[in-house]
């Protein structure tokens, strides 16, 4: 499996992805908003984009579909319940469905509600697993739930699915927010040495080449995966004085997301 991460350079700080089979040159485009860059990258590599996967229905992830389909004839894949929100879906997928790319690439669909209720993450079971997480899990952060989402569903996705994946899984997110996310972590947990070290590494970074985290790293630097941290809870209580002495993990997650909305 070959992964090409494409930095759009737009105001939303989107990443687009091409996943290619090295034997056949067939490629899957994930959320190809910047259709020009995606098509140019495929041409440069000698790849044929045969499929498009939209992680969810927001326009900054689906807006390039029409142009890519017109140029390549690619089939559009999305959550099986998103057909009314995404035009021209050829295949609706559910949890556990497999997307094959060429002869060598197989990607497992994960049904990951929260950011929206029809959100798909893709998991590659390669030697080093890879998670294409859309707007569910960001490098050092979590998606918002402003436009059709639900924070309790997002919490369940994090603890019941993402946290249980292999620790060496690489996290390919839909946007570059890593620097701001790390600053949020440190505002909640000032003694987090791992977050401070990574912030020093990525501050002022080039998004095209910035560090790709693993889930093990996320559990050290991502405050949404550090719900039992005494430091996180202590500082959270300053913002929410009515918080219990030992709040449950869901409450901590929900309150952190509430704070992040204003960050």
Protein backbone atom coordinates (compact mmCIF):
# COMPACT_ATOMS: atom_id res chain seq x y z
CA UNK A 1 0.00 0.00 0.00
CA UNK A 2 1.28 3.44 -0.97
CA UNK A 3 -0.10 6.48 0.84
CA UNK A 4 0.12 9.93 -0.71
CA UNK A 5 -0.92 12.71 1.68
CA UNK A 6 -1.94 15.85 -0.21
CA UNK A 7 -1.87 19.18 1.59
CA UNK A 8 -4.52 21.44 0.08
CA UNK A 9 -3.26 24.69 1.59
CA UNK A 10 -6.85 25.93 1.91
CA UNK A 11 -8.40 27.92 4.76
CA UNK A 12 -9.87 24.75 6.29
CA UNK A 13 -6.43 23.09 6.37
CA UNK A 14 -7.70 19.93 4.63
CA UNK A 15 -5.65 16.88 3.84
CA UNK A 16 -6.66 14.69 0.89
CA UNK A 17 -5.26 11.20 0.39
CA UNK A 18 -4.49 8.79 -2.41
CA UNK A 19 -4.04 5.12 -1.51
CA UNK A 20 -2.50 3.10 -4.31
CA UNK A 21 -1.81 -0.53 -5.13
CA UNK A 22 1.87 -0.77 -6.09
CA UNK A 23 1.22 -3.67 -8.48
CA UNK A 24 -1.63 -2.25 -10.56
CA UNK A 25 -1.42 1.50 -10.00
CA UNK A 26 -5.09 1.66 -9.10
CA UNK A 27 -5.83 4.29 -6.46
CA UNK A 28 -8.53 5.28 -4.00
CA UNK A 29 -9.00 9.00 -3.33
CA UNK A 30 -10.14 9.90 0.17
CA UNK A 31 -12.10 13.17 0.44
CA UNK A 32 -10.53 14.67 -2.72
CA UNK A 33 -11.70 18.24 -2.19
CA UNK A 34 -8.75 19.69 -4.10
CA UNK A 35 -9.45 17.72 -7.23
CA UNK A 36 -6.74 19.47 -9.19
CA UNK A 37 -4.00 18.46 -6.76
CA UNK A 38 -5.37 14.94 -6.45
CA UNK A 39 -5.58 14.42 -10.20
CA UNK A 40 -2.13 15.95 -10.71
CA UNK A 41 -0.59 13.73 -8.03
CA UNK A 42 -2.14 10.62 -9.56
CA UNK A 43 -0.91 11.58 -13.03
CA UNK A 44 2.58 12.26 -11.71
CA UNK A 45 2.69 8.82 -10.05
CA UNK A 46 1.15 7.02 -12.99
CA UNK A 47 -1.87 5.98 -10.96
CA UNK A 48 -5.51 5.59 -12.01
CA UNK A 49 -8.09 6.82 -9.50
CA UNK A 50 -10.84 4.20 -9.68
CA UNK A 51 -12.67 4.90 -6.41
CA UNK A 52 -13.47 7.82 -4.10
CA UNK A 53 -14.24 7.40 -0.41
CA UNK A 54 -15.99 10.22 1.43
CA UNK A 55 -15.51 9.90 5.17
CA UNK A 56 -18.61 12.05 5.72
CA UNK A 57 -20.96 14.47 4.04
CA UNK A 58 -19.48 17.90 4.73
CA UNK A 59 -18.70 19.88 1.60
CA UNK A 60 -15.00 20.31 2.41
CA UNK A 61 -14.75 16.52 2.01
CA UNK A 62 -17.16 15.93 -0.87
CA UNK A 63 -16.67 19.08 -2.92
CA UNK A 64 -14.17 17.53 -5.34
CA UNK A 65 -16.19 14.42 -6.15
CA UNK A 66 -17.84 15.66 -9.33
CA UNK A 67 -14.61 16.81 -10.95
CA UNK A 68 -12.72 13.63 -10.05
CA UNK A 69 -15.54 11.43 -11.34
CA UNK A 70 -15.71 13.46 -14.56
CA UNK A 71 -11.97 13.05 -15.10
CA UNK A 72 -11.62 9.40 -14.11
CA UNK A 73 -14.99 7.66 -13.96
CA UNK A 74 -14.27 6.73 -10.35
CA UNK A 75 -17.01 5.17 -8.24
CA UNK A 76 -18.08 7.06 -5.10
CA UNK A 77 -18.20 5.20 -1.77
CA UNK A 78 -19.71 6.56 1.44
CA UNK A 79 -21.60 5.56 4.58
CA UNK A 80 -24.64 3.48 3.68
CA UNK A 81 -27.00 6.05 5.23
CA UNK A 82 -25.42 9.12 3.64
CA UNK A 83 -26.92 8.81 0.16
CA UNK A 84 -29.34 11.69 0.67
CA UNK A 85 -26.48 13.95 1.77
CA UNK A 86 -23.82 12.98 -0.79
CA UNK A 87 -24.70 13.10 -4.48
CA UNK A 88 -23.90 10.19 -6.75
CA UNK A 89 -22.97 7.52 -4.22
CA UNK A 90 -22.33 4.23 -6.02
CA UNK A 91 -21.65 2.07 -2.98
CA UNK A 92 -22.85 2.46 0.59
CA UNK A 93 -20.66 0.77 3.19
CA UNK A 94 -21.19 -0.45 6.74
CA UNK A 95 -18.87 -1.43 9.58
CA UNK A 96 -16.69 -4.36 8.56
CA UNK A 97 -17.09 -3.89 4.81
CA UNK A 98 -13.86 -4.12 2.81
CA UNK A 99 -12.76 -1.74 0.09
CA UNK A 100 -10.26 -3.35 -2.27
CA UNK A 101 -7.81 -1.24 -4.26
CA UNK A 102 -6.05 -3.10 -7.04
CA UNK A 103 -4.63 -6.52 -6.14
CA UNK A 104 -2.90 -5.79 -2.85
CA UNK A 105 -4.81 -3.22 -0.80
CA UNK A 106 -7.73 -3.99 1.49
CA UNK A 107 -9.25 -1.33 3.75
CA UNK A 108 -11.76 -2.11 6.48
CA UNK A 109 -14.64 0.32 6.99
CA UNK A 110 -15.35 1.48 10.51
CA UNK A 111 -18.69 3.11 11.35
CA UNK A 112 -17.52 5.99 13.56
CA UNK A 113 -20.38 8.37 14.46
CA UNK A 114 -19.84 11.57 16.38
CA UNK A 115 -18.55 14.34 14.13
CA UNK A 116 -21.51 13.42 11.97
CA UNK A 117 -23.74 10.38 12.42
CA UNK A 118 -22.71 8.96 9.03
CA UNK A 119 -18.93 8.96 9.34
CA UNK A 120 -16.58 6.28 8.03
CA UNK A 121 -12.96 5.73 9.06
CA UNK A 122 -10.79 3.35 7.05
CA UNK A 123 -8.38 0.90 8.67
CA UNK A 124 -5.53 -0.70 6.74
CA UNK A 125 -4.33 -3.95 8.29
CA UNK A 126 -0.78 -3.53 7.00
CA UNK A 127 2.48 -4.31 8.82
CA UNK A 128 2.15 -0.86 10.34
CA UNK A 129 -1.62 -0.35 10.47
CA UNK A 130 -3.01 2.93 9.20
CA UNK A 131 -6.21 4.74 10.17
CA UNK A 132 -7.70 7.29 7.79
CA UNK A 133 -9.77 9.08 10.39
CA UNK A 134 -11.48 11.94 8.54
CA UNK A 135 -12.82 14.42 11.08
CA UNK A 136 -13.28 11.92 13.92
CA UNK A 137 -9.76 11.73 15.34
CA UNK A 138 -7.25 14.46 14.60
CA UNK A 139 -3.54 14.38 15.40
CA UNK A 140 -3.70 15.40 19.08
CA UNK A 141 -7.41 16.25 18.92
CA UNK A 142 -11.02 15.27 18.28
CA UNK A 143 -13.61 16.41 15.79
CA UNK A 144 -16.36 18.84 16.70
CA UNK A 145 -20.05 17.98 16.58
CA UNK A 146 -21.39 21.29 15.28
CA UNK A 147 -23.01 20.18 12.02
CA UNK A 148 -25.01 17.03 12.49
CA UNK A 149 -22.96 15.32 15.17
CA UNK A 150 -23.36 14.08 18.74
CA UNK A 151 -20.73 14.36 21.45
CA UNK A 152 -21.77 11.24 23.34
CA UNK A 153 -21.53 9.20 20.13
CA UNK A 154 -18.09 10.69 19.52
CA UNK A 155 -17.04 9.62 23.02
CA UNK A 156 -18.28 6.08 22.35
CA UNK A 157 -16.37 5.96 19.07
CA UNK A 158 -13.18 6.98 20.86
CA UNK A 159 -13.38 4.54 23.78
CA UNK A 160 -15.14 1.58 22.15
CA UNK A 161 -13.36 1.60 18.80
CA UNK A 162 -10.34 3.86 18.33
CA UNK A 163 -8.71 3.25 21.70
CA UNK A 164 -8.78 -0.50 21.07
CA UNK A 165 -6.83 -0.41 17.79
CA UNK A 166 -3.15 -1.45 17.76
CA UNK A 167 -0.92 1.19 19.33
CA UNK A 168 1.39 1.42 16.30
CA UNK A 169 -1.50 2.41 14.01
CA UNK A 170 -0.64 5.62 12.15
CA UNK A 171 -3.30 8.35 12.22
CA UNK A 172 -3.96 10.08 8.89
CA UNK A 173 -6.45 12.82 9.75
CA UNK A 174 -8.65 15.00 7.55
CA UNK A 175 -7.14 18.32 8.66
CA UNK A 176 -3.90 19.76 10.00
CA UNK A 177 -4.70 21.08 13.46
CA UNK A 178 -1.82 19.46 15.33
CA UNK A 179 -0.15 22.60 16.68
CA UNK A 180 -3.32 24.15 18.05
CA UNK A 181 -4.46 20.79 19.42
CA UNK A 182 -1.20 20.36 21.32
CA UNK A 183 -1.58 23.82 22.79
CA UNK A 184 -5.05 22.82 23.96
CA UNK A 185 -3.64 19.67 25.56
CA UNK A 186 -1.03 21.71 27.41
CA UNK A 187 -3.64 24.21 28.60
CA UNK A 188 -5.51 21.29 30.14
CA UNK A 189 -2.43 19.34 31.25
CA UNK A 190 0.61 21.64 31.62
CA UNK A 191 2.81 18.83 32.94
CA UNK A 192 2.40 16.70 29.80
CA UNK A 193 6.04 16.36 28.74
CA UNK A 194 5.23 14.32 25.62
CA UNK A 195 2.89 17.01 24.30
CA UNK A 196 5.42 19.73 25.05
CA UNK A 197 8.17 17.84 23.24
CA UNK A 198 6.03 17.28 20.16
CA UNK A 199 4.86 20.89 20.13
CA UNK A 200 8.50 21.98 20.06
CA UNK A 201 8.98 19.71 17.07
CA UNK A 202 5.96 20.82 15.03
CA UNK A 203 5.62 24.52 15.93
CA UNK A 204 5.75 26.56 12.73
CA UNK A 205 5.72 23.32 10.74
CA UNK A 206 5.13 22.72 7.05
CA UNK A 207 1.77 20.90 6.94
CA UNK A 208 2.84 19.02 3.84
CA UNK A 209 5.52 17.14 5.77
CA UNK A 210 4.43 17.40 9.41
CA UNK A 211 4.68 14.41 11.74
CA UNK A 212 2.04 11.66 11.49
CA UNK A 213 1.20 10.33 14.93
CA UNK A 214 0.43 6.80 16.08
CA UNK A 215 -2.32 5.79 18.48
CA UNK A 216 0.29 5.13 21.18
CA UNK A 217 1.41 8.74 20.77
CA UNK A 218 -2.19 9.94 20.81
CA UNK A 219 -2.70 8.28 24.19
CA UNK A 220 0.21 10.36 25.49
CA UNK A 221 -0.55 13.73 23.86
CA UNK A 222 -4.26 13.87 23.05
CA UNK A 223 -6.32 15.18 25.95
CA UNK A 224 -9.41 13.41 24.56
CA UNK A 225 -7.59 10.14 25.19
CA UNK A 226 -6.36 11.13 28.66
CA UNK A 227 -9.69 11.23 30.45
CA UNK A 228 -8.38 9.75 33.72
CA UNK A 229 -5.40 12.11 34.03
CA UNK A 230 -5.44 13.78 37.48
CA UNK A 231 -4.00 16.95 35.95
CA UNK A 232 -6.70 17.10 33.27
CA UNK A 233 -9.44 16.59 35.86
CA UNK A 234 -7.99 19.11 38.31
CA UNK A 235 -7.80 21.89 35.73
CA UNK A 236 -11.17 20.95 34.28
CA UNK A 237 -12.68 21.42 37.73
CA UNK A 238 -11.49 25.03 37.72
CA UNK A 239 -13.61 25.61 34.62
CA UNK A 240 -16.53 23.53 35.93
CA UNK A 241 -16.61 23.81 39.76
CA UNK A 242 -19.62 21.47 40.00
CA UNK A 243 -17.65 18.60 38.48
CA UNK A 244 -17.54 15.60 40.83
CA UNK A 245 -14.29 14.77 42.61
CA UNK A 246 -13.91 11.69 40.42
CA UNK A 247 -15.94 12.36 37.26
CA UNK A 248 -16.69 9.55 34.86
CA UNK A 249 -14.78 9.45 31.58
CA UNK A 250 -17.76 10.47 29.44
CA UNK A 251 -18.32 13.61 31.50
CA UNK A 252 -14.66 14.57 31.17
CA UNK A 253 -14.79 14.04 27.39
CA UNK A 254 -17.96 16.10 26.99
CA UNK A 255 -16.59 18.97 29.07
CA UNK A 256 -13.28 18.93 27.17
CA UNK A 257 -15.14 19.12 23.86
CA UNK A 258 -17.16 22.03 25.22
CA UNK A 259 -13.95 23.88 26.08
CA UNK A 260 -12.34 23.03 22.75
CA UNK A 261 -15.31 24.59 20.93
CA UNK A 262 -14.18 27.96 22.30
CA UNK A 263 -10.43 27.42 21.89
